[in-house]
Amino acid sequence: MLKQKLLSSIREIANYPKEGILFRDITTLIGNAQAFSELITHLKIRYETQNIDYIVGLESRGFIFGSALAYALNVGFVPIRKKGKLPYKTISKSYALEYGEDSIEIHIDAFGEKKGARVVLIDDLIATGGTAKAGVELTEAIGGECVEACFLLDLIALGGSKELGKIVNVYSVLEID
């Protein structure tokens, strides 16, 4: 029932951002107070007994889900941002895109003095998995333990969750062929 409610709360836009793509617009889900609340409650229940120290959100939609989940769990939130957006000392990781390469960064002290911080990485969707894999690697590079990578949507046909699953447990609320 929750999955159907969430799925029906996501607007589909054909041929965006280019011809042949069916874009999943999550702004309609986060604008639906009941659906958004039920999603965060579902994730809170999943993680509340796992001794999580931080939620790490991938730019930018991971910030929305990650901040709400961190608040619900009463833990810290850490953003992973595109290169050049964080003001303090960072480490970065590059990853492949369909047409080139991009980089993301995390503050080197994002987990403070907490050694082995238990972390859930979160984003709105996983497609090919390049950004998520880079996020897991950054988390571990600064001393965190990525307990799980969590996504609202898994675009199964693109294979990202299967690849990412080789290095970390992956949880997706919704799977789409």
N, C-alpha and C. Protein backbone atom coordinates (compact mmCIF):
# COMPACT_ATOMS: atom_id res chain seq x y z
N MET A 1 0.82 -1.19 0.00
CA MET A 1 0.00 0.00 0.00
C MET A 1 0.87 1.26 0.00
N LEU A 2 1.91 1.29 0.86
CA LEU A 2 2.81 2.45 0.88
C LEU A 2 3.47 2.62 -0.48
N LYS A 3 3.96 1.52 -1.04
CA LYS A 3 4.66 1.62 -2.32
C LYS A 3 3.75 2.18 -3.41
N GLN A 4 2.51 1.74 -3.44
CA GLN A 4 1.58 2.25 -4.45
C GLN A 4 1.29 3.72 -4.22
N LYS A 5 1.14 4.13 -2.96
CA LYS A 5 0.89 5.54 -2.65
C LYS A 5 2.07 6.40 -3.09
N LEU A 6 3.29 5.94 -2.81
CA LEU A 6 4.47 6.69 -3.20
C LEU A 6 4.60 6.77 -4.72
N LEU A 7 4.41 5.65 -5.37
CA LEU A 7 4.52 5.61 -6.83
C LEU A 7 3.49 6.53 -7.48
N SER A 8 2.28 6.53 -6.97
CA SER A 8 1.24 7.39 -7.55
C SER A 8 1.46 8.86 -7.22
N SER A 9 2.36 9.15 -6.27
CA SER A 9 2.68 10.53 -5.90
C SER A 9 3.81 11.12 -6.74
N ILE A 10 4.41 10.31 -7.59
CA ILE A 10 5.54 10.75 -8.42
C ILE A 10 5.03 11.03 -9.83
N ARG A 11 5.27 12.25 -10.29
CA ARG A 11 4.84 12.65 -11.64
C ARG A 11 5.84 12.12 -12.66
N GLU A 12 5.31 11.60 -13.76
CA GLU A 12 6.16 11.14 -14.86
C GLU A 12 6.08 12.15 -16.01
N ILE A 13 7.25 12.52 -16.52
CA ILE A 13 7.32 13.49 -17.61
C ILE A 13 8.07 12.84 -18.77
N ALA A 14 7.35 12.65 -19.86
CA ALA A 14 7.94 12.00 -21.04
C ALA A 14 8.89 12.96 -21.77
N ASN A 15 9.97 12.38 -22.31
CA ASN A 15 10.93 13.11 -23.14
C ASN A 15 11.61 14.27 -22.43
N TYR A 16 11.89 14.08 -21.14
CA TYR A 16 12.62 15.10 -20.38
C TYR A 16 13.76 14.41 -19.64
N PRO A 17 14.94 14.90 -19.64
CA PRO A 17 15.42 16.13 -20.25
C PRO A 17 15.75 16.01 -21.74
N LYS A 18 15.57 14.79 -22.27
CA LYS A 18 15.76 14.64 -23.71
C LYS A 18 14.84 13.55 -24.23
N GLU A 19 14.71 13.50 -25.52
CA GLU A 19 13.84 12.54 -26.20
C GLU A 19 14.14 11.11 -25.74
N GLY A 20 13.08 10.36 -25.43
CA GLY A 20 13.23 8.96 -25.06
C GLY A 20 13.37 8.70 -23.57
N ILE A 21 13.50 9.75 -22.76
CA ILE A 21 13.65 9.61 -21.31
C ILE A 21 12.29 9.81 -20.64
N LEU A 22 11.96 8.95 -19.70
CA LEU A 22 10.77 9.14 -18.87
C LEU A 22 11.27 9.60 -17.51
N PHE A 23 11.12 10.89 -17.22
CA PHE A 23 11.65 11.52 -16.01
C PHE A 23 10.69 11.30 -14.86
N ARG A 24 11.23 10.88 -13.71
CA ARG A 24 10.43 10.72 -12.49
C ARG A 24 10.62 11.97 -11.64
N ASP A 25 9.58 12.79 -11.53
CA ASP A 25 9.62 14.06 -10.81
C ASP A 25 9.15 13.85 -9.38
N ILE A 26 10.08 13.88 -8.43
CA ILE A 26 9.75 13.63 -7.02
C ILE A 26 9.19 14.86 -6.32
N THR A 27 9.16 16.02 -6.99
CA THR A 27 8.63 17.21 -6.33
C THR A 27 7.16 17.04 -5.96
N THR A 28 6.44 16.24 -6.71
CA THR A 28 5.04 15.99 -6.38
C THR A 28 4.91 15.11 -5.14
N LEU A 29 5.86 14.21 -4.92
CA LEU A 29 5.85 13.38 -3.71
C LEU A 29 6.19 14.23 -2.49
N ILE A 30 7.25 15.01 -2.57
CA ILE A 30 7.63 15.80 -1.39
C ILE A 30 6.63 16.92 -1.11
N GLY A 31 5.83 17.28 -2.10
CA GLY A 31 4.77 18.26 -1.90
C GLY A 31 3.50 17.66 -1.31
N ASN A 32 3.44 16.34 -1.28
CA ASN A 32 2.31 15.62 -0.71
C ASN A 32 2.67 15.27 0.74
N ALA A 33 2.18 16.06 1.68
CA ALA A 33 2.59 15.93 3.09
C ALA A 33 2.41 14.51 3.62
N GLN A 34 1.30 13.88 3.30
CA GLN A 34 1.04 12.54 3.82
C GLN A 34 2.01 11.51 3.23
N ALA A 35 2.20 11.55 1.92
CA ALA A 35 3.11 10.59 1.28
C ALA A 35 4.54 10.78 1.76
N PHE A 36 4.98 12.04 1.85
CA PHE A 36 6.34 12.32 2.30
C PHE A 36 6.54 11.87 3.74
N SER A 37 5.58 12.16 4.60
CA SER A 37 5.66 11.75 6.00
C SER A 37 5.71 10.23 6.13
N GLU A 38 4.88 9.54 5.36
CA GLU A 38 4.87 8.07 5.43
C GLU A 38 6.19 7.48 4.92
N LEU A 39 6.78 8.09 3.91
CA LEU A 39 8.08 7.63 3.42
C LEU A 39 9.14 7.78 4.51
N ILE A 40 9.21 8.95 5.13
CA ILE A 40 10.23 9.18 6.16
C ILE A 40 9.99 8.28 7.36
N THR A 41 8.74 8.06 7.73
CA THR A 41 8.43 7.14 8.84
C THR A 41 8.88 5.72 8.49
N HIS A 42 8.63 5.30 7.26
CA HIS A 42 9.06 3.98 6.80
C HIS A 42 10.58 3.83 6.93
N LEU A 43 11.33 4.85 6.50
CA LEU A 43 12.79 4.80 6.57
C LEU A 43 13.27 4.89 8.02
N LYS A 44 12.61 5.68 8.83
CA LYS A 44 12.98 5.78 10.24
C LYS A 44 12.87 4.40 10.91
N ILE A 45 11.77 3.72 10.66
CA ILE A 45 11.58 2.39 11.24
C ILE A 45 12.67 1.44 10.75
N ARG A 46 13.05 1.55 9.50
CA ARG A 46 14.10 0.68 8.95
C ARG A 46 15.44 0.88 9.67
N TYR A 47 15.77 2.13 9.99
CA TYR A 47 17.11 2.44 10.48
C TYR A 47 17.22 2.71 11.98
N GLU A 48 16.10 2.85 12.70
CA GLU A 48 16.18 3.29 14.09
C GLU A 48 16.89 2.32 15.02
N THR A 49 17.01 1.07 14.68
CA THR A 49 17.70 0.10 15.55
C THR A 49 19.11 -0.24 15.06
N GLN A 50 19.59 0.49 14.05
CA GLN A 50 20.88 0.15 13.46
C GLN A 50 22.04 1.03 13.93
N ASN A 51 21.82 1.79 14.98
CA ASN A 51 22.89 2.64 15.56
C ASN A 51 23.57 3.52 14.52
N ILE A 52 22.77 4.20 13.74
CA ILE A 52 23.27 5.10 12.70
C ILE A 52 23.75 6.40 13.36
N ASP A 53 24.90 6.89 12.92
CA ASP A 53 25.44 8.15 13.44
C ASP A 53 25.15 9.33 12.52
N TYR A 54 25.12 9.09 11.21
CA TYR A 54 24.92 10.15 10.23
C TYR A 54 24.14 9.64 9.04
N ILE A 55 23.37 10.55 8.46
CA ILE A 55 22.79 10.33 7.14
C ILE A 55 23.60 11.19 6.19
N VAL A 56 24.09 10.59 5.12
CA VAL A 56 24.86 11.30 4.10
C VAL A 56 23.98 11.42 2.86
N GLY A 57 23.72 12.66 2.43
CA GLY A 57 22.86 12.90 1.29
C GLY A 57 23.65 13.36 0.08
N LEU A 58 23.32 12.78 -1.07
CA LEU A 58 23.96 13.17 -2.33
C LEU A 58 23.22 14.35 -2.94
N GLU A 59 23.98 15.30 -3.44
CA GLU A 59 23.40 16.50 -4.04
C GLU A 59 22.53 16.12 -5.23
N SER A 60 21.41 16.69 -5.35
CA SER A 60 20.78 17.62 -4.43
C SER A 60 19.52 17.03 -3.80
N ARG A 61 18.87 16.12 -4.51
CA ARG A 61 17.63 15.58 -3.95
C ARG A 61 17.87 14.68 -2.74
N GLY A 62 19.07 14.15 -2.62
CA GLY A 62 19.41 13.40 -1.41
C GLY A 62 19.41 14.27 -0.17
N PHE A 63 19.57 15.59 -0.37
CA PHE A 63 19.51 16.52 0.76
C PHE A 63 18.11 16.55 1.34
N ILE A 64 17.10 16.48 0.50
CA ILE A 64 15.71 16.56 0.95
C ILE A 64 15.37 15.35 1.81
N PHE A 65 15.58 14.16 1.27
CA PHE A 65 15.26 12.95 2.00
C PHE A 65 16.20 12.75 3.19
N GLY A 66 17.47 13.06 2.97
CA GLY A 66 18.46 12.86 4.02
C GLY A 66 18.26 13.75 5.22
N SER A 67 17.95 15.01 5.00
CA SER A 67 17.72 15.93 6.12
C SER A 67 16.52 15.50 6.94
N ALA A 68 15.44 15.15 6.26
CA ALA A 68 14.23 14.71 6.97
C ALA A 68 14.49 13.43 7.75
N LEU A 69 15.21 12.50 7.16
CA LEU A 69 15.51 11.24 7.85
C LEU A 69 16.46 11.46 9.02
N ALA A 70 17.47 12.30 8.84
CA ALA A 70 18.39 12.60 9.95
C ALA A 70 17.62 13.21 11.12
N TYR A 71 16.72 14.12 10.83
CA TYR A 71 15.90 14.72 11.88
C TYR A 71 15.06 13.65 12.59
N ALA A 72 14.42 12.78 11.81
CA ALA A 72 13.56 11.73 12.38
C ALA A 72 14.36 10.77 13.26
N LEU A 73 15.62 10.52 12.90
CA LEU A 73 16.48 9.60 13.66
C LEU A 73 17.29 10.32 14.75
N ASN A 74 17.22 11.65 14.75
CA ASN A 74 18.00 12.46 15.69
C ASN A 74 19.51 12.19 15.54
N VAL A 75 19.96 12.22 14.29
CA VAL A 75 21.38 12.05 13.98
C VAL A 75 21.82 13.20 13.08
N GLY A 76 23.11 13.30 12.85
CA GLY A 76 23.64 14.35 12.00
C GLY A 76 23.39 14.09 10.53
N PHE A 77 23.42 15.18 9.76
CA PHE A 77 23.30 15.10 8.31
C PHE A 77 24.57 15.64 7.67
N VAL A 78 25.09 14.92 6.69
CA VAL A 78 26.31 15.33 5.98
C VAL A 78 26.00 15.40 4.49
N PRO A 79 26.24 16.57 3.87
CA PRO A 79 26.03 16.67 2.43
C PRO A 79 27.27 16.28 1.63
N ILE A 80 27.05 15.57 0.54
CA ILE A 80 28.09 15.37 -0.47
C ILE A 80 27.67 16.25 -1.64
N ARG A 81 28.57 17.15 -2.02
CA ARG A 81 28.23 18.17 -3.01
C ARG A 81 29.08 18.05 -4.26
N LYS A 82 28.64 18.74 -5.29
CA LYS A 82 29.43 18.83 -6.51
C LYS A 82 30.70 19.62 -6.21
N LYS A 83 31.73 19.34 -6.98
CA LYS A 83 33.04 19.94 -6.76
C LYS A 83 32.97 21.47 -6.70
N GLY A 84 33.64 22.02 -5.68
CA GLY A 84 33.73 23.46 -5.54
C GLY A 84 32.62 24.11 -4.75
N LYS A 85 31.70 23.35 -4.20
CA LYS A 85 30.55 23.91 -3.49
C LYS A 85 30.71 23.91 -1.97
N LEU A 86 31.64 23.13 -1.44
CA LEU A 86 31.84 23.09 0.02
C LEU A 86 32.96 24.05 0.41
N PRO A 87 32.78 24.79 1.51
CA PRO A 87 33.72 25.88 1.84
C PRO A 87 34.98 25.48 2.58
N TYR A 88 35.06 24.28 3.13
CA TYR A 88 36.21 23.90 3.94
C TYR A 88 37.03 22.84 3.18
N LYS A 89 38.01 22.28 3.85
CA LYS A 89 38.86 21.26 3.23
C LYS A 89 38.03 20.03 2.87
N THR A 90 38.24 19.55 1.66
CA THR A 90 37.46 18.42 1.16
C THR A 90 38.36 17.37 0.53
N ILE A 91 37.76 16.22 0.30
CA ILE A 91 38.35 15.25 -0.61
C ILE A 91 37.31 15.04 -1.70
N SER A 92 37.76 14.66 -2.87
CA SER A 92 36.83 14.51 -3.98
C SER A 92 37.01 13.16 -4.64
N LYS A 93 35.99 12.80 -5.39
CA LYS A 93 36.00 11.55 -6.15
C LYS A 93 35.34 11.83 -7.49
N SER A 94 35.99 11.41 -8.54
CA SER A 94 35.42 11.56 -9.88
C SER A 94 34.70 10.28 -10.27
N TYR A 95 33.73 10.42 -11.14
CA TYR A 95 32.98 9.26 -11.61
C TYR A 95 32.53 9.52 -13.05
N ALA A 96 32.25 8.45 -13.75
CA ALA A 96 31.88 8.55 -15.16
C ALA A 96 30.43 8.94 -15.33
N LEU A 97 30.19 9.76 -16.33
CA LEU A 97 28.85 10.13 -16.77
C LEU A 97 28.65 9.56 -18.17
N GLU A 98 27.44 9.68 -18.67
CA GLU A 98 27.16 9.19 -20.01
C GLU A 98 28.09 9.85 -21.03
N TYR A 99 28.33 11.17 -20.86
CA TYR A 99 29.20 11.90 -21.79
C TYR A 99 30.27 12.64 -21.01
N GLY A 100 31.17 11.94 -20.36
CA GLY A 100 32.26 12.60 -19.67
C GLY A 100 32.42 12.15 -18.24
N GLU A 101 32.74 13.12 -17.39
CA GLU A 101 33.09 12.82 -16.01
C GLU A 101 32.64 13.97 -15.12
N ASP A 102 32.36 13.67 -13.85
CA ASP A 102 32.02 14.69 -12.88
C ASP A 102 32.69 14.32 -11.57
N SER A 103 32.65 15.23 -10.61
CA SER A 103 33.27 14.99 -9.30
C SER A 103 32.34 15.46 -8.19
N ILE A 104 32.43 14.76 -7.07
CA ILE A 104 31.71 15.16 -5.86
C ILE A 104 32.70 15.24 -4.72
N GLU A 105 32.31 15.98 -3.66
CA GLU A 105 33.22 16.21 -2.54
C GLU A 105 32.49 16.08 -1.21
N ILE A 106 33.31 15.82 -0.18
CA ILE A 106 32.83 15.78 1.20
C ILE A 106 33.88 16.48 2.07
N HIS A 107 33.42 17.16 3.11
CA HIS A 107 34.38 17.75 4.05
C HIS A 107 35.19 16.65 4.73
N ILE A 108 36.47 16.89 4.91
CA ILE A 108 37.33 15.88 5.51
C ILE A 108 36.98 15.59 6.96
N ASP A 109 36.33 16.55 7.62
CA ASP A 109 35.95 16.38 9.02
C ASP A 109 34.45 16.20 9.21
N ALA A 110 33.77 15.70 8.19
CA ALA A 110 32.30 15.61 8.22
C ALA A 110 31.77 14.79 9.39
N PHE A 111 32.55 13.83 9.86
CA PHE A 111 32.10 12.98 10.97
C PHE A 111 32.75 13.38 12.29
N GLY A 112 33.32 14.58 12.32
CA GLY A 112 33.94 15.07 13.54
C GLY A 112 35.00 14.12 14.05
N GLU A 113 34.96 13.87 15.32
CA GLU A 113 35.92 12.95 15.96
C GLU A 113 35.41 11.52 16.00
N LYS A 114 34.26 11.27 15.42
CA LYS A 114 33.63 9.95 15.48
C LYS A 114 34.35 8.97 14.54
N LYS A 115 35.10 8.07 15.12
CA LYS A 115 35.79 7.04 14.34
C LYS A 115 34.81 5.93 13.98
N GLY A 116 34.84 5.51 12.74
CA GLY A 116 33.96 4.43 12.30
C GLY A 116 32.49 4.81 12.33
N ALA A 117 32.17 6.07 12.07
CA ALA A 117 30.78 6.53 12.07
C ALA A 117 29.93 5.63 11.17
N ARG A 118 28.81 5.21 11.71
CA ARG A 118 27.87 4.37 10.94
C ARG A 118 26.94 5.29 10.15
N VAL A 119 26.93 5.07 8.84
CA VAL A 119 26.32 6.01 7.92
C VAL A 119 25.34 5.31 6.98
N VAL A 120 24.25 6.00 6.68
CA VAL A 120 23.37 5.60 5.58
C VAL A 120 23.52 6.67 4.50
N LEU A 121 23.86 6.27 3.30
CA LEU A 121 23.94 7.15 2.15
C LEU A 121 22.56 7.16 1.50
N ILE A 122 22.06 8.35 1.14
CA ILE A 122 20.70 8.42 0.58
C ILE A 122 20.64 9.36 -0.63
N ASP A 123 19.80 8.97 -1.58
CA ASP A 123 19.51 9.81 -2.74
C ASP A 123 18.12 9.44 -3.24
N ASP A 124 17.62 10.23 -4.18
CA ASP A 124 16.27 9.98 -4.67
C ASP A 124 16.21 8.74 -5.57
N LEU A 125 17.22 8.55 -6.41
CA LEU A 125 17.18 7.38 -7.28
C LEU A 125 18.56 6.88 -7.62
N ILE A 126 18.60 5.62 -8.00
CA ILE A 126 19.84 5.04 -8.51
C ILE A 126 19.57 4.57 -9.94
N ALA A 127 20.45 5.00 -10.83
CA ALA A 127 20.36 4.62 -12.24
C ALA A 127 21.57 3.75 -12.56
N THR A 128 22.67 4.36 -13.02
CA THR A 128 23.88 3.58 -13.31
C THR A 128 24.74 3.37 -12.07
N GLY A 129 24.55 4.19 -11.05
CA GLY A 129 25.23 3.99 -9.78
C GLY A 129 26.55 4.69 -9.61
N GLY A 130 27.01 5.45 -10.59
CA GLY A 130 28.31 6.10 -10.50
C GLY A 130 28.42 7.10 -9.37
N THR A 131 27.43 7.95 -9.21
CA THR A 131 27.45 8.95 -8.14
C THR A 131 27.39 8.27 -6.78
N ALA A 132 26.52 7.29 -6.65
CA ALA A 132 26.38 6.59 -5.37
C ALA A 132 27.66 5.86 -4.99
N LYS A 133 28.30 5.22 -5.94
CA LYS A 133 29.55 4.51 -5.66
C LYS A 133 30.62 5.50 -5.19
N ALA A 134 30.70 6.64 -5.87
CA ALA A 134 31.66 7.67 -5.45
C ALA A 134 31.33 8.17 -4.05
N GLY A 135 30.04 8.30 -3.73
CA GLY A 135 29.61 8.72 -2.40
C GLY A 135 30.02 7.73 -1.32
N VAL A 136 29.85 6.45 -1.59
CA VAL A 136 30.27 5.41 -0.63
C VAL A 136 31.78 5.49 -0.43
N GLU A 137 32.52 5.62 -1.51
CA GLU A 137 33.99 5.67 -1.43
C GLU A 137 34.45 6.90 -0.64
N LEU A 138 33.81 8.05 -0.83
CA LEU A 138 34.16 9.25 -0.06
C LEU A 138 33.86 9.05 1.42
N THR A 139 32.71 8.48 1.71
CA THR A 139 32.31 8.21 3.10
C THR A 139 33.36 7.35 3.79
N GLU A 140 33.78 6.31 3.13
CA GLU A 140 34.77 5.40 3.71
C GLU A 140 36.15 6.04 3.77
N ALA A 141 36.48 6.91 2.83
CA ALA A 141 37.79 7.55 2.80
C ALA A 141 38.01 8.48 4.00
N ILE A 142 36.92 9.01 4.56
CA ILE A 142 37.08 9.87 5.74
C ILE A 142 36.74 9.13 7.04
N GLY A 143 36.69 7.81 6.96
CA GLY A 143 36.56 7.01 8.17
C GLY A 143 35.17 6.53 8.52
N GLY A 144 34.21 6.73 7.63
CA GLY A 144 32.86 6.25 7.90
C GLY A 144 32.65 4.83 7.43
N GLU A 145 31.65 4.20 8.00
CA GLU A 145 31.23 2.87 7.57
C GLU A 145 29.86 3.01 6.95
N CYS A 146 29.76 2.80 5.65
CA CYS A 146 28.48 2.91 4.97
C CYS A 146 27.70 1.62 5.22
N VAL A 147 26.72 1.71 6.10
CA VAL A 147 25.90 0.57 6.47
C VAL A 147 24.99 0.16 5.31
N GLU A 148 24.46 1.18 4.62
CA GLU A 148 23.54 0.91 3.53
C GLU A 148 23.44 2.14 2.64
N ALA A 149 23.19 1.91 1.36
CA ALA A 149 22.86 2.98 0.41
C ALA A 149 21.37 2.85 0.14
N CYS A 150 20.65 3.95 0.35
CA CYS A 150 19.19 3.94 0.31
C CYS A 150 18.69 4.87 -0.79
N PHE A 151 17.70 4.40 -1.54
CA PHE A 151 17.13 5.17 -2.64
C PHE A 151 15.62 5.05 -2.64
N LEU A 152 14.95 6.12 -3.02
CA LEU A 152 13.50 6.05 -3.20
C LEU A 152 13.20 5.18 -4.42
N LEU A 153 13.90 5.44 -5.53
CA LEU A 153 13.65 4.74 -6.79
C LEU A 153 14.89 4.01 -7.28
N ASP A 154 14.70 2.79 -7.73
CA ASP A 154 15.76 2.02 -8.36
C ASP A 154 15.33 1.76 -9.80
N LEU A 155 16.06 2.35 -10.75
CA LEU A 155 15.79 2.09 -12.17
C LEU A 155 16.57 0.82 -12.54
N ILE A 156 15.95 -0.30 -12.27
CA ILE A 156 16.60 -1.62 -12.34
C ILE A 156 17.30 -1.88 -13.67
N ALA A 157 16.69 -1.52 -14.76
CA ALA A 157 17.23 -1.82 -16.09
C ALA A 157 18.60 -1.20 -16.31
N LEU A 158 18.94 -0.14 -15.57
CA LEU A 158 20.23 0.52 -15.76
C LEU A 158 21.36 -0.13 -14.95
N GLY A 159 21.01 -1.04 -14.03
CA GLY A 159 22.00 -1.88 -13.37
C GLY A 159 22.81 -1.28 -12.24
N GLY A 160 22.53 -0.05 -11.86
CA GLY A 160 23.34 0.59 -10.82
C GLY A 160 23.26 -0.07 -9.47
N SER A 161 22.07 -0.50 -9.07
CA SER A 161 21.93 -1.11 -7.74
C SER A 161 22.66 -2.46 -7.68
N LYS A 162 22.65 -3.17 -8.78
CA LYS A 162 23.37 -4.46 -8.81
C LYS A 162 24.87 -4.23 -8.67
N GLU A 163 25.40 -3.24 -9.40
CA GLU A 163 26.83 -2.93 -9.30
C GLU A 163 27.20 -2.40 -7.92
N LEU A 164 26.40 -1.46 -7.41
CA LEU A 164 26.67 -0.89 -6.09
C LEU A 164 26.57 -1.96 -5.01
N GLY A 165 25.66 -2.91 -5.21
CA GLY A 165 25.48 -4.00 -4.25
C GLY A 165 26.70 -4.87 -4.07
N LYS A 166 27.67 -4.74 -4.94
CA LYS A 166 28.92 -5.49 -4.79
C LYS A 166 29.80 -4.91 -3.70
N ILE A 167 29.55 -3.62 -3.31
CA ILE A 167 30.40 -2.99 -2.29
C ILE A 167 29.64 -2.56 -1.04
N VAL A 168 28.30 -2.48 -1.12
CA VAL A 168 27.52 -2.04 0.04
C VAL A 168 26.10 -2.58 -0.12
N ASN A 169 25.43 -2.79 1.01
CA ASN A 169 24.03 -3.19 0.95
C ASN A 169 23.21 -2.05 0.35
N VAL A 170 22.29 -2.38 -0.54
CA VAL A 170 21.46 -1.38 -1.21
C VAL A 170 20.00 -1.64 -0.86
N TYR A 171 19.30 -0.57 -0.48
CA TYR A 171 17.87 -0.66 -0.22
C TYR A 171 17.15 0.38 -1.07
N SER A 172 16.16 -0.08 -1.82
CA SER A 172 15.34 0.83 -2.62
C SER A 172 13.89 0.63 -2.21
N VAL A 173 13.20 1.73 -1.97
CA VAL A 173 11.80 1.66 -1.60
C VAL A 173 10.97 1.21 -2.78
N LEU A 174 11.25 1.75 -3.96
CA LEU A 174 10.51 1.42 -5.17
C LEU A 174 11.47 0.94 -6.26
N GLU A 175 11.08 -0.10 -6.97
CA GLU A 175 11.87 -0.58 -8.10
C GLU A 175 11.05 -0.40 -9.37
N ILE A 176 11.69 0.15 -10.39
CA ILE A 176 11.02 0.40 -11.66
C ILE A 176 11.83 -0.25 -12.77
N ASP A 177 11.14 -1.01 -13.62
CA ASP A 177 11.83 -1.68 -14.75
C ASP A 177 12.25 -0.69 -15.79
